[in-house]
Amino acid sequence: MPIPDFQTLMRPLLALHEDGHEKTQSELREVLAREFQLTPDELEERIPSGLANTFANRVAWASTHMKQAGLIEKPRRGISVITDRGRVVLADYPDRVEMSVLEQFPEYLDFRTRSRRRPRPRTTDVPSTESETPEETLDAAYNELREALIEDLRSRLVAVDDGFFEEVVLDVLVGLGYGGSKRDAAERVGRSGDGGVDGVIREDTLGLDAIYIQAKKWARERTIGPREIREFIGALQDAEAAKGVFITTSSFSSEARELARRRRVVLIDGPELAGLMIDSGVGVTAVRRFDIKRIDEDYFAGPE
């Protein structure tokens, strides 16, 4: 079954505390994983940013919300125990505990107000279907913005002239660490006259190895097939080159990708090129940055 959202985890998590014994996060996760019959792959799943384990993240946030509502308390690091209020909630809500339940407690409303940095209306305006943790919400928003930027960049790349497109390709490759400086990279690239870049660039700043580059500025509707890849492979063989990168603003067919995989040719399509521009800071500028921080458990653990 899919990984339950953090609200679905609230009551099962609280029920595990019912015996009054102190619980660790690891043992709570272990029991909940069995209860929800999560597979090894599901337990390995990470949130989109890759910075946290999805299941562990949701268990932690379910615990945080219930702590803020006073249903559990944490007497020391990594340990939680049920409160009298938590027992009452277990008895009063036998089926499900969610944010709408927690909002009856002033401490939790204060927490929600602080976390949103503005007054938060009560239950009627807080959807009970809210299922994502704050990290997942931020990740989803970031990915949506990134995808929109990728689409915009692809449109811009198709519209620029061939010389500017060459500059973009060089900037991206240098930004990824190839070619040394842009001047060094540019000196190693020759124009083929096919509306793109066709040449050789250093693999590293010392120039110990070379990579053959071909780039085609094609409309996004066009698809590069195996014929173009075979021609590129033939050019590599003629140049006695061992490594090649084929870059396009459009896309590659599945046959082209399979042929390139067998011949160890790297393919970069339009979305990937735009993504590399974003990651390398080429043609984009940062508007706003957020640092997401967590408690440093080692700091608070003190000397052993």
C-alpha atoms as a PDB file:
ATOM      1  CA  MET A   1       0.000   0.000   0.000  1.00  0.00           C
ATOM      2  CA  PRO A   2       1.176   3.593  -0.503  1.00  0.00           C
ATOM      3  CA  ILE A   3       2.935   5.389   2.327  1.00  0.00           C
ATOM      4  CA  PRO A   4       0.225   6.938   4.535  1.00  0.00           C
ATOM      5  CA  ASP A   5       0.180  10.703   4.880  1.00  0.00           C
ATOM      6  CA  PHE A   6       1.217  12.196   8.202  1.00  0.00           C
ATOM      7  CA  GLN A   7      -2.380  12.822   9.363  1.00  0.00           C
ATOM      8  CA  THR A   8      -3.301   9.186   8.763  1.00  0.00           C
ATOM      9  CA  LEU A   9      -0.323   8.220  10.910  1.00  0.00           C
ATOM     10  CA  MET A  10      -1.425  10.330  13.881  1.00  0.00           C
ATOM     11  CA  ARG A  11      -3.861   7.998  15.632  1.00  0.00           C
ATOM     12  CA  PRO A  12      -1.888   4.779  15.063  1.00  0.00           C
ATOM     13  CA  LEU A  13       1.194   6.591  16.361  1.00  0.00           C
ATOM     14  CA  LEU A  14      -0.669   7.846  19.421  1.00  0.00           C
ATOM     15  CA  ALA A  15      -2.170   4.390  20.045  1.00  0.00           C
ATOM     16  CA  LEU A  16       1.307   2.884  20.213  1.00  0.00           C
ATOM     17  CA  HIS A  17       1.897   5.078  23.283  1.00  0.00           C
ATOM     18  CA  GLU A  18      -1.236   3.858  25.050  1.00  0.00           C
ATOM     19  CA  ASP A  19       0.663   1.475  27.331  1.00  0.00           C
ATOM     20  CA  GLY A  20       2.327   4.478  28.944  1.00  0.00           C
ATOM     21  CA  HIS A  21       5.862   3.304  28.210  1.00  0.00           C
ATOM     22  CA  GLU A  22       8.457   5.567  26.664  1.00  0.00           C
ATOM     23  CA  LYS A  23       8.901   5.051  22.924  1.00  0.00           C
ATOM     24  CA  THR A  24      11.764   5.782  20.561  1.00  0.00           C
ATOM     25  CA  GLN A  25      11.208   7.062  17.052  1.00  0.00           C
ATOM     26  CA  SER A  26      12.922   4.034  15.535  1.00  0.00           C
ATOM     27  CA  GLU A  27      10.685   1.516  17.303  1.00  0.00           C
ATOM     28  CA  LEU A  28       7.583   3.547  16.431  1.00  0.00           C
ATOM     29  CA  ARG A  29       8.581   3.577  12.761  1.00  0.00           C
ATOM     30  CA  GLU A  30       9.260  -0.156  12.818  1.00  0.00           C
ATOM     31  CA  VAL A  31       5.844  -1.034  14.252  1.00  0.00           C
ATOM     32  CA  LEU A  32       3.996   1.401  12.001  1.00  0.00           C
ATOM     33  CA  ALA A  33       5.777   0.041   8.914  1.00  0.00           C
ATOM     34  CA  ARG A  34       4.540  -3.444   9.782  1.00  0.00           C
ATOM     35  CA  GLU A  35       1.051  -2.182  10.561  1.00  0.00           C
ATOM     36  CA  PHE A  36       0.753  -0.451   7.181  1.00  0.00           C
ATOM     37  CA  GLN A  37       2.518  -3.336   5.396  1.00  0.00           C
ATOM     38  CA  LEU A  38       5.069  -1.097   3.737  1.00  0.00           C
ATOM     39  CA  THR A  39       7.455  -2.738   1.298  1.00  0.00           C
ATOM     40  CA  PRO A  40      11.254  -2.320   1.415  1.00  0.00           C
ATOM     41  CA  ASP A  41      11.050  -0.040  -1.636  1.00  0.00           C
ATOM     42  CA  GLU A  42       8.427   2.127   0.066  1.00  0.00           C
ATOM     43  CA  LEU A  43      10.581   2.345   3.180  1.00  0.00           C
ATOM     44  CA  GLU A  44      13.511   3.495   1.027  1.00  0.00           C
ATOM     45  CA  GLU A  45      11.477   6.167  -0.767  1.00  0.00           C
ATOM     46  CA  ARG A  46      12.653   9.740  -0.329  1.00  0.00           C
ATOM     47  CA  ILE A  47      10.901  13.071  -0.726  1.00  0.00           C
ATOM     48  CA  PRO A  48      11.493  14.778  -4.116  1.00  0.00           C
ATOM     49  CA  SER A  49      14.523  16.730  -2.932  1.00  0.00           C
ATOM     50  CA  GLY A  50      16.135  13.495  -1.725  1.00  0.00           C
ATOM     51  CA  LEU A  51      17.032  15.146   1.565  1.00  0.00           C
ATOM     52  CA  ALA A  52      14.785  13.003   3.769  1.00  0.00           C
ATOM     53  CA  ASN A  53      13.189   9.586   3.932  1.00  0.00           C
ATOM     54  CA  THR A  54       9.470   9.972   3.152  1.00  0.00           C
ATOM     55  CA  PHE A  55       8.105   7.585   5.776  1.00  0.00           C
ATOM     56  CA  ALA A  56      10.440   8.753   8.548  1.00  0.00           C
ATOM     57  CA  ASN A  57       9.645  12.362   7.651  1.00  0.00           C
ATOM     58  CA  ARG A  58       5.904  11.773   7.938  1.00  0.00           C
ATOM     59  CA  VAL A  59       6.198   9.900  11.241  1.00  0.00           C
ATOM     60  CA  ALA A  60       8.313  12.732  12.633  1.00  0.00           C
ATOM     61  CA  TRP A  61       5.783  15.354  11.580  1.00  0.00           C
ATOM     62  CA  ALA A  62       2.841  13.370  12.978  1.00  0.00           C
ATOM     63  CA  SER A  63       4.761  13.249  16.255  1.00  0.00           C
ATOM     64  CA  THR A  64       5.545  16.970  16.105  1.00  0.00           C
ATOM     65  CA  HIS A  65       1.927  17.975  15.544  1.00  0.00           C
ATOM     66  CA  MET A  66       0.679  15.800  18.406  1.00  0.00           C
ATOM     67  CA  LYS A  67       3.384  17.100  20.712  1.00  0.00           C
ATOM     68  CA  GLN A  68       2.371  20.673  19.912  1.00  0.00           C
ATOM     69  CA  ALA A  69      -1.229  19.728  20.747  1.00  0.00           C
ATOM     70  CA  GLY A  70      -0.128  18.226  24.050  1.00  0.00           C
ATOM     71  CA  LEU A  71      -1.099  14.641  23.220  1.00  0.00           C
ATOM     72  CA  ILE A  72       2.439  13.383  23.739  1.00  0.00           C
ATOM     73  CA  GLU A  73       5.481  14.837  25.401  1.00  0.00           C
ATOM     74  CA  LYS A  74       9.189  14.275  24.917  1.00  0.00           C
ATOM     75  CA  PRO A  75      11.000  13.991  28.232  1.00  0.00           C
ATOM     76  CA  ARG A  76      14.361  13.677  26.504  1.00  0.00           C
ATOM     77  CA  ARG A  77      15.919  13.431  23.072  1.00  0.00           C
ATOM     78  CA  GLY A  78      14.321  10.867  20.778  1.00  0.00           C
ATOM     79  CA  ILE A  79      11.837   9.674  23.436  1.00  0.00           C
ATOM     80  CA  SER A  80       8.073  10.272  23.519  1.00  0.00           C
ATOM     81  CA  VAL A  81       5.326   9.327  25.994  1.00  0.00           C
ATOM     82  CA  ILE A  82       1.554   9.815  26.033  1.00  0.00           C
ATOM     83  CA  THR A  83      -0.123  12.509  28.164  1.00  0.00           C
ATOM     84  CA  ASP A  84      -3.496  12.476  29.921  1.00  0.00           C
ATOM     85  CA  ARG A  85      -4.835  14.616  27.072  1.00  0.00           C
ATOM     86  CA  GLY A  86      -3.567  12.062  24.600  1.00  0.00           C
ATOM     87  CA  ARG A  87      -5.505   9.299  26.370  1.00  0.00           C
ATOM     88  CA  VAL A  88      -8.688  11.374  26.231  1.00  0.00           C
ATOM     89  CA  VAL A  89      -8.244  11.951  22.495  1.00  0.00           C
ATOM     90  CA  LEU A  90      -7.698   8.231  21.915  1.00  0.00           C
ATOM     91  CA  ALA A  91     -10.958   7.482  23.692  1.00  0.00           C
ATOM     92  CA  ASP A  92     -12.936  10.281  22.033  1.00  0.00           C
ATOM     93  CA  TYR A  93     -11.669   9.645  18.488  1.00  0.00           C
ATOM     94  CA  PRO A  94     -11.509   5.880  17.907  1.00  0.00           C
ATOM     95  CA  ASP A  95     -11.246   6.093  14.115  1.00  0.00           C
ATOM     96  CA  ARG A  96      -8.984   8.974  13.159  1.00  0.00           C
ATOM     97  CA  VAL A  97      -7.010  11.813  14.682  1.00  0.00           C
ATOM     98  CA  GLU A  98      -6.078  14.661  12.368  1.00  0.00           C
ATOM     99  CA  MET A  99      -5.324  18.360  12.394  1.00  0.00           C
ATOM    100  CA  SER A 100      -9.000  19.294  12.770  1.00  0.00           C
ATOM    101  CA  VAL A 101      -9.032  17.343  16.044  1.00  0.00           C
ATOM    102  CA  LEU A 102      -5.856  18.973  17.296  1.00  0.00           C
ATOM    103  CA  GLU A 103      -7.209  22.462  16.663  1.00  0.00           C
ATOM    104  CA  GLN A 104      -9.479  22.270  19.682  1.00  0.00           C
ATOM    105  CA  PHE A 105      -6.383  22.882  21.796  1.00  0.00           C
ATOM    106  CA  PRO A 106      -5.092  26.474  22.121  1.00  0.00           C
ATOM    107  CA  GLU A 107      -1.443  25.390  22.167  1.00  0.00           C
ATOM    108  CA  TYR A 108      -1.840  23.779  18.776  1.00  0.00           C
ATOM    109  CA  LEU A 109      -3.586  26.822  17.299  1.00  0.00           C
ATOM    110  CA  ASP A 110      -0.690  28.936  18.553  1.00  0.00           C
ATOM    111  CA  PHE A 111       1.727  26.535  16.862  1.00  0.00           C
ATOM    112  CA  ARG A 112      -0.173  26.728  13.579  1.00  0.00           C
ATOM    113  CA  THR A 113      -0.272  30.512  13.774  1.00  0.00           C
ATOM    114  CA  ARG A 114       3.458  30.708  14.394  1.00  0.00           C
ATOM    115  CA  SER A 115       4.263  28.217  11.637  1.00  0.00           C
ATOM    116  CA  ARG A 116       2.193  30.123   9.071  1.00  0.00           C
ATOM    117  CA  ARG A 117       3.329  33.558  10.349  1.00  0.00           C
ATOM    118  CA  ARG A 118      -0.266  34.770  10.255  1.00  0.00           C
ATOM    119  CA  PRO A 119      -3.483  34.061  12.164  1.00  0.00           C
ATOM    120  CA  ARG A 120      -4.857  30.701  11.135  1.00  0.00           C
ATOM    121  CA  PRO A 121      -8.633  30.199  10.984  1.00  0.00           C
ATOM    122  CA  ARG A 122     -10.033  27.262  12.841  1.00  0.00           C
ATOM    123  CA  THR A 123     -11.071  23.924  11.446  1.00  0.00           C
ATOM    124  CA  THR A 124     -13.488  25.154   8.782  1.00  0.00           C
ATOM    125  CA  ASP A 125     -10.673  26.679   6.713  1.00  0.00           C
ATOM    126  CA  VAL A 126      -8.082  23.940   7.307  1.00  0.00           C
ATOM    127  CA  PRO A 127      -8.740  21.075   4.913  1.00  0.00           C
ATOM    128  CA  SER A 128      -8.704  17.701   6.662  1.00  0.00           C
ATOM    129  CA  THR A 129      -7.271  16.243   3.459  1.00  0.00           C
ATOM    130  CA  GLU A 130      -3.998  18.132   3.930  1.00  0.00           C
ATOM    131  CA  SER A 131      -1.533  15.295   3.706  1.00  0.00           C
ATOM    132  CA  GLU A 132       1.886  16.660   2.873  1.00  0.00           C
ATOM    133  CA  THR A 133       4.550  17.502   5.396  1.00  0.00           C
ATOM    134  CA  PRO A 134       6.043  21.012   5.140  1.00  0.00           C
ATOM    135  CA  GLU A 135       9.134  19.617   3.387  1.00  0.00           C
ATOM    136  CA  GLU A 136       6.963  17.831   0.840  1.00  0.00           C
ATOM    137  CA  THR A 137       4.914  20.978   0.243  1.00  0.00           C
ATOM    138  CA  LEU A 138       8.075  23.011  -0.339  1.00  0.00           C
ATOM    139  CA  ASP A 139       9.484  20.321  -2.621  1.00  0.00           C
ATOM    140  CA  ALA A 140       6.279  20.205  -4.666  1.00  0.00           C
ATOM    141  CA  ALA A 141       6.224  23.991  -5.028  1.00  0.00           C
ATOM    142  CA  TYR A 142       9.899  24.049  -5.974  1.00  0.00           C
ATOM    143  CA  ASN A 143       9.419  21.321  -8.579  1.00  0.00           C
ATOM    144  CA  GLU A 144       6.428  23.138 -10.059  1.00  0.00           C
ATOM    145  CA  LEU A 145       8.465  26.344 -10.374  1.00  0.00           C
ATOM    146  CA  ARG A 146      11.411  24.437 -11.813  1.00  0.00           C
ATOM    147  CA  GLU A 147       9.275  22.695 -14.450  1.00  0.00           C
ATOM    148  CA  ALA A 148       7.768  26.016 -15.505  1.00  0.00           C
ATOM    149  CA  LEU A 149      11.252  27.535 -15.776  1.00  0.00           C
ATOM    150  CA  ILE A 150      12.458  24.557 -17.837  1.00  0.00           C
ATOM    151  CA  GLU A 151       9.613  25.054 -20.300  1.00  0.00           C
ATOM    152  CA  ASP A 152      10.399  28.755 -20.572  1.00  0.00           C
ATOM    153  CA  LEU A 153      14.113  28.085 -21.119  1.00  0.00           C
ATOM    154  CA  ARG A 154      13.390  25.536 -23.861  1.00  0.00           C
ATOM    155  CA  SER A 155      11.289  28.093 -25.719  1.00  0.00           C
ATOM    156  CA  ARG A 156      14.034  30.695 -25.365  1.00  0.00           C
ATOM    157  CA  LEU A 157      16.726  28.296 -26.625  1.00  0.00           C
ATOM    158  CA  VAL A 158      14.799  27.473 -29.774  1.00  0.00           C
ATOM    159  CA  ALA A 159      14.293  31.171 -30.470  1.00  0.00           C
ATOM    160  CA  VAL A 160      17.927  32.334 -30.077  1.00  0.00           C
ATOM    161  CA  ASP A 161      20.343  32.466 -33.009  1.00  0.00           C
ATOM    162  CA  ASP A 162      22.937  29.752 -33.601  1.00  0.00           C
ATOM    163  CA  GLY A 163      25.837  31.778 -32.229  1.00  0.00           C
ATOM    164  CA  PHE A 164      24.062  32.453 -28.959  1.00  0.00           C
ATOM    165  CA  PHE A 165      23.077  28.792 -28.697  1.00  0.00           C
ATOM    166  CA  GLU A 166      26.751  27.891 -29.017  1.00  0.00           C
ATOM    167  CA  GLU A 167      27.484  30.240 -26.117  1.00  0.00           C
ATOM    168  CA  VAL A 168      24.804  28.523 -24.025  1.00  0.00           C
ATOM    169  CA  VAL A 169      26.233  25.063 -24.688  1.00  0.00           C
ATOM    170  CA  LEU A 170      29.738  26.212 -23.821  1.00  0.00           C
ATOM    171  CA  ASP A 171      28.558  27.980 -20.666  1.00  0.00           C
ATOM    172  CA  VAL A 172      26.754  24.857 -19.486  1.00  0.00           C
ATOM    173  CA  LEU A 173      29.677  22.540 -20.196  1.00  0.00           C
ATOM    174  CA  VAL A 174      32.141  24.864 -18.491  1.00  0.00           C
ATOM    175  CA  GLY A 175      29.699  25.247 -15.601  1.00  0.00           C
ATOM    176  CA  LEU A 176      29.715  21.474 -15.222  1.00  0.00           C
ATOM    177  CA  GLY A 177      33.503  21.499 -14.986  1.00  0.00           C
ATOM    178  CA  TYR A 178      34.471  20.671 -18.559  1.00  0.00           C
ATOM    179  CA  GLY A 179      36.804  22.634 -20.764  1.00  0.00           C
ATOM    180  CA  GLY A 180      38.686  24.580 -18.123  1.00  0.00           C
ATOM    181  CA  SER A 181      37.808  28.220 -18.769  1.00  0.00           C
ATOM    182  CA  LYS A 182      35.242  29.325 -21.319  1.00  0.00           C
ATOM    183  CA  ARG A 183      38.056  30.743 -23.433  1.00  0.00           C
ATOM    184  CA  ASP A 184      39.803  27.357 -23.475  1.00  0.00           C
ATOM    185  CA  ALA A 185      36.546  25.612 -24.306  1.00  0.00           C
ATOM    186  CA  ALA A 186      35.669  28.023 -27.091  1.00  0.00           C
ATOM    187  CA  GLU A 187      39.062  27.566 -28.724  1.00  0.00           C
ATOM    188  CA  ARG A 188      38.453  23.850 -28.937  1.00  0.00           C
ATOM    189  CA  VAL A 189      35.022  24.099 -30.578  1.00  0.00           C
ATOM    190  CA  GLY A 190      34.595  24.376 -34.335  1.00  0.00           C
ATOM    191  CA  ARG A 191      31.442  25.341 -36.173  1.00  0.00           C
ATOM    192  CA  SER A 192      30.001  22.680 -38.445  1.00  0.00           C
ATOM    193  CA  GLY A 193      27.457  24.859 -40.229  1.00  0.00           C
ATOM    194  CA  ASP A 194      24.516  22.640 -39.286  1.00  0.00           C
ATOM    195  CA  GLY A 195      22.926  25.204 -36.998  1.00  0.00           C
ATOM    196  CA  GLY A 196      24.640  23.982 -33.847  1.00  0.00           C
ATOM    197  CA  VAL A 197      27.984  23.233 -32.225  1.00  0.00           C
ATOM    198  CA  ASP A 198      30.157  20.445 -33.473  1.00  0.00           C
ATOM    199  CA  GLY A 199      33.593  20.036 -31.970  1.00  0.00           C
ATOM    200  CA  VAL A 200      35.839  18.936 -29.142  1.00  0.00           C
ATOM    201  CA  ILE A 201      36.088  20.161 -25.594  1.00  0.00           C
ATOM    202  CA  ARG A 202      38.459  19.268 -22.765  1.00  0.00           C
ATOM    203  CA  GLU A 203      37.144  16.782 -20.222  1.00  0.00           C
ATOM    204  CA  ASP A 204      39.120  18.493 -17.462  1.00  0.00           C
ATOM    205  CA  THR A 205      41.169  21.622 -16.896  1.00  0.00           C
ATOM    206  CA  LEU A 206      44.417  19.800 -17.781  1.00  0.00           C
ATOM    207  CA  GLY A 207      43.105  18.589 -21.111  1.00  0.00           C
ATOM    208  CA  LEU A 208      44.050  14.966 -20.398  1.00  0.00           C
ATOM    209  CA  ASP A 209      41.077  13.719 -22.370  1.00  0.00           C
ATOM    210  CA  ALA A 210      38.624  15.134 -24.875  1.00  0.00           C
ATOM    211  CA  ILE A 211      34.886  14.879 -25.433  1.00  0.00           C
ATOM    212  CA  TYR A 212      33.294  15.198 -28.847  1.00  0.00           C
ATOM    213  CA  ILE A 213      30.258  17.483 -28.813  1.00  0.00           C
ATOM    214  CA  GLN A 214      27.363  17.757 -31.200  1.00  0.00           C
ATOM    215  CA  ALA A 215      24.439  20.078 -30.575  1.00  0.00           C
ATOM    216  CA  LYS A 216      21.289  20.555 -32.641  1.00  0.00           C
ATOM    217  CA  LYS A 217      19.011  23.524 -32.080  1.00  0.00           C
ATOM    218  CA  TRP A 218      15.821  21.941 -33.325  1.00  0.00           C
ATOM    219  CA  ALA A 219      12.183  22.782 -32.725  1.00  0.00           C
ATOM    220  CA  ARG A 220      10.869  20.906 -29.721  1.00  0.00           C
ATOM    221  CA  GLU A 221       8.374  19.010 -31.915  1.00  0.00           C
ATOM    222  CA  ARG A 222      11.171  17.270 -33.811  1.00  0.00           C
ATOM    223  CA  THR A 223      12.625  13.995 -32.585  1.00  0.00           C
ATOM    224  CA  ILE A 224      16.180  12.829 -33.086  1.00  0.00           C
ATOM    225  CA  GLY A 225      16.218   9.219 -34.202  1.00  0.00           C
ATOM    226  CA  PRO A 226      18.846   6.485 -34.530  1.00  0.00           C
ATOM    227  CA  ARG A 227      20.071   7.807 -37.904  1.00  0.00           C
ATOM    228  CA  GLU A 228      21.491  10.967 -36.346  1.00  0.00           C
ATOM    229  CA  ILE A 229      23.047   8.949 -33.520  1.00  0.00           C
ATOM    230  CA  ARG A 230      24.708   6.568 -36.006  1.00  0.00           C
ATOM    231  CA  GLU A 231      26.145   9.547 -37.878  1.00  0.00           C
ATOM    232  CA  PHE A 232      27.484  10.925 -34.611  1.00  0.00           C
ATOM    233  CA  ILE A 233      29.001   7.574 -33.679  1.00  0.00           C
ATOM    234  CA  GLY A 234      30.633   7.452 -37.116  1.00  0.00           C
ATOM    235  CA  ALA A 235      32.094  10.906 -36.534  1.00  0.00           C
ATOM    236  CA  LEU A 236      33.465   9.730 -33.191  1.00  0.00           C
ATOM    237  CA  GLN A 237      35.129   6.757 -34.870  1.00  0.00           C
ATOM    238  CA  ASP A 238      36.627   8.946 -37.583  1.00  0.00           C
ATOM    239  CA  ALA A 239      38.059  11.259 -34.930  1.00  0.00           C
ATOM    240  CA  GLU A 240      39.235   8.269 -32.876  1.00  0.00           C
ATOM    241  CA  ALA A 241      37.275   9.765 -29.995  1.00  0.00           C
ATOM    242  CA  ALA A 242      36.123   7.581 -27.113  1.00  0.00           C
ATOM    243  CA  LYS A 243      33.572   9.909 -25.588  1.00  0.00           C
ATOM    244  CA  GLY A 244      30.705  11.888 -27.045  1.00  0.00           C
ATOM    245  CA  VAL A 245      27.832  14.081 -25.915  1.00  0.00           C
ATOM    246  CA  PHE A 246      24.862  14.838 -28.159  1.00  0.00           C
ATOM    247  CA  ILE A 247      22.870  17.891 -27.085  1.00  0.00           C
ATOM    248  CA  THR A 248      19.532  19.011 -28.492  1.00  0.00           C
ATOM    249  CA  THR A 249      16.711  21.402 -27.706  1.00  0.00           C
ATOM    250  CA  SER A 250      14.235  18.767 -28.882  1.00  0.00           C
ATOM    251  CA  SER A 251      14.040  15.100 -27.855  1.00  0.00           C
ATOM    252  CA  PHE A 252      15.381  11.637 -28.658  1.00  0.00           C
ATOM    253  CA  SER A 253      13.415   8.593 -29.713  1.00  0.00           C
ATOM    254  CA  SER A 254      13.597   5.439 -27.603  1.00  0.00           C
ATOM    255  CA  GLU A 255      15.571   3.747 -30.407  1.00  0.00           C
ATOM    256  CA  ALA A 256      18.091   6.580 -30.400  1.00  0.00           C
ATOM    257  CA  ARG A 257      18.480   6.331 -26.633  1.00  0.00           C
ATOM    258  CA  GLU A 258      19.026   2.579 -26.775  1.00  0.00           C
ATOM    259  CA  LEU A 259      21.635   2.926 -29.528  1.00  0.00           C
ATOM    260  CA  ALA A 260      23.433   5.667 -27.589  1.00  0.00           C
ATOM    261  CA  ARG A 261      23.368   3.570 -24.414  1.00  0.00           C
ATOM    262  CA  ARG A 262      25.048   0.646 -26.157  1.00  0.00           C
ATOM    263  CA  ARG A 263      27.738   2.918 -27.629  1.00  0.00           C
ATOM    264  CA  ARG A 264      28.256   4.927 -24.413  1.00  0.00           C
ATOM    265  CA  VAL A 265      27.154   8.200 -25.951  1.00  0.00           C
ATOM    266  CA  VAL A 266      25.569  10.695 -23.566  1.00  0.00           C
ATOM    267  CA  LEU A 267      22.323  12.273 -24.763  1.00  0.00           C
ATOM    268  CA  ILE A 268      21.024  15.567 -23.381  1.00  0.00           C
ATOM    269  CA  ASP A 269      17.542  16.555 -24.563  1.00  0.00           C
ATOM    270  CA  GLY A 270      15.740  19.879 -24.230  1.00  0.00           C
ATOM    271  CA  PRO A 271      14.407  19.461 -20.682  1.00  0.00           C
ATOM    272  CA  GLU A 272      17.744  18.087 -19.482  1.00  0.00           C
ATOM    273  CA  LEU A 273      19.666  20.950 -21.085  1.00  0.00           C
ATOM    274  CA  ALA A 274      17.337  23.478 -19.466  1.00  0.00           C
ATOM    275  CA  GLY A 275      17.743  21.684 -16.136  1.00  0.00           C
ATOM    276  CA  LEU A 276      21.522  21.838 -16.454  1.00  0.00           C
ATOM    277  CA  MET A 277      21.255  25.553 -17.192  1.00  0.00           C
ATOM    278  CA  ILE A 278      19.339  26.001 -13.939  1.00  0.00           C
ATOM    279  CA  ASP A 279      21.792  23.879 -11.947  1.00  0.00           C
ATOM    280  CA  SER A 280      24.783  25.665 -13.479  1.00  0.00           C
ATOM    281  CA  GLY A 281      23.292  29.148 -13.120  1.00  0.00           C
ATOM    282  CA  VAL A 282      23.333  29.740 -16.884  1.00  0.00           C
ATOM    283  CA  GLY A 283      20.687  32.154 -18.146  1.00  0.00           C
ATOM    284  CA  VAL A 284      18.886  32.228 -14.779  1.00  0.00           C
ATOM    285  CA  THR A 285      19.174  34.270 -11.629  1.00  0.00           C
ATOM    286  CA  ALA A 286      18.208  33.443  -8.058  1.00  0.00           C
ATOM    287  CA  VAL A 287      15.161  35.361  -6.870  1.00  0.00           C
ATOM    288  CA  ARG A 288      14.834  33.948  -3.364  1.00  0.00           C
ATOM    289  CA  ARG A 289      16.584  31.322  -1.255  1.00  0.00           C
ATOM    290  CA  PHE A 290      15.435  29.337   1.776  1.00  0.00           C
ATOM    291  CA  ASP A 291      17.622  27.403   4.181  1.00  0.00           C
ATOM    292  CA  ILE A 292      15.700  24.486   5.681  1.00  0.00           C
ATOM    293  CA  LYS A 293      17.291  23.591   8.993  1.00  0.00           C
ATOM    294  CA  ARG A 294      16.822  20.801  11.513  1.00  0.00           C
ATOM    295  CA  ILE A 295      17.803  20.327  15.127  1.00  0.00           C
ATOM    296  CA  ASP A 296      21.411  19.199  15.480  1.00  0.00           C
ATOM    297  CA  GLU A 297      20.870  16.197  17.756  1.00  0.00           C
ATOM    298  CA  ASP A 298      24.608  15.758  18.318  1.00  0.00           C
ATOM    299  CA  TYR A 299      24.854  19.329  19.623  1.00  0.00           C
ATOM    300  CA  PHE A 300      22.127  18.784  22.200  1.00  0.00           C
ATOM    301  CA  ALA A 301      23.378  15.327  23.148  1.00  0.00           C
ATOM    302  CA  GLY A 302      26.331  16.929  24.930  1.00  0.00           C
ATOM    303  CA  PRO A 303      29.598  15.175  25.798  1.00  0.00           C
ATOM    304  CA  GLU A 304      29.455  11.448  26.324  1.00  0.00           C
END
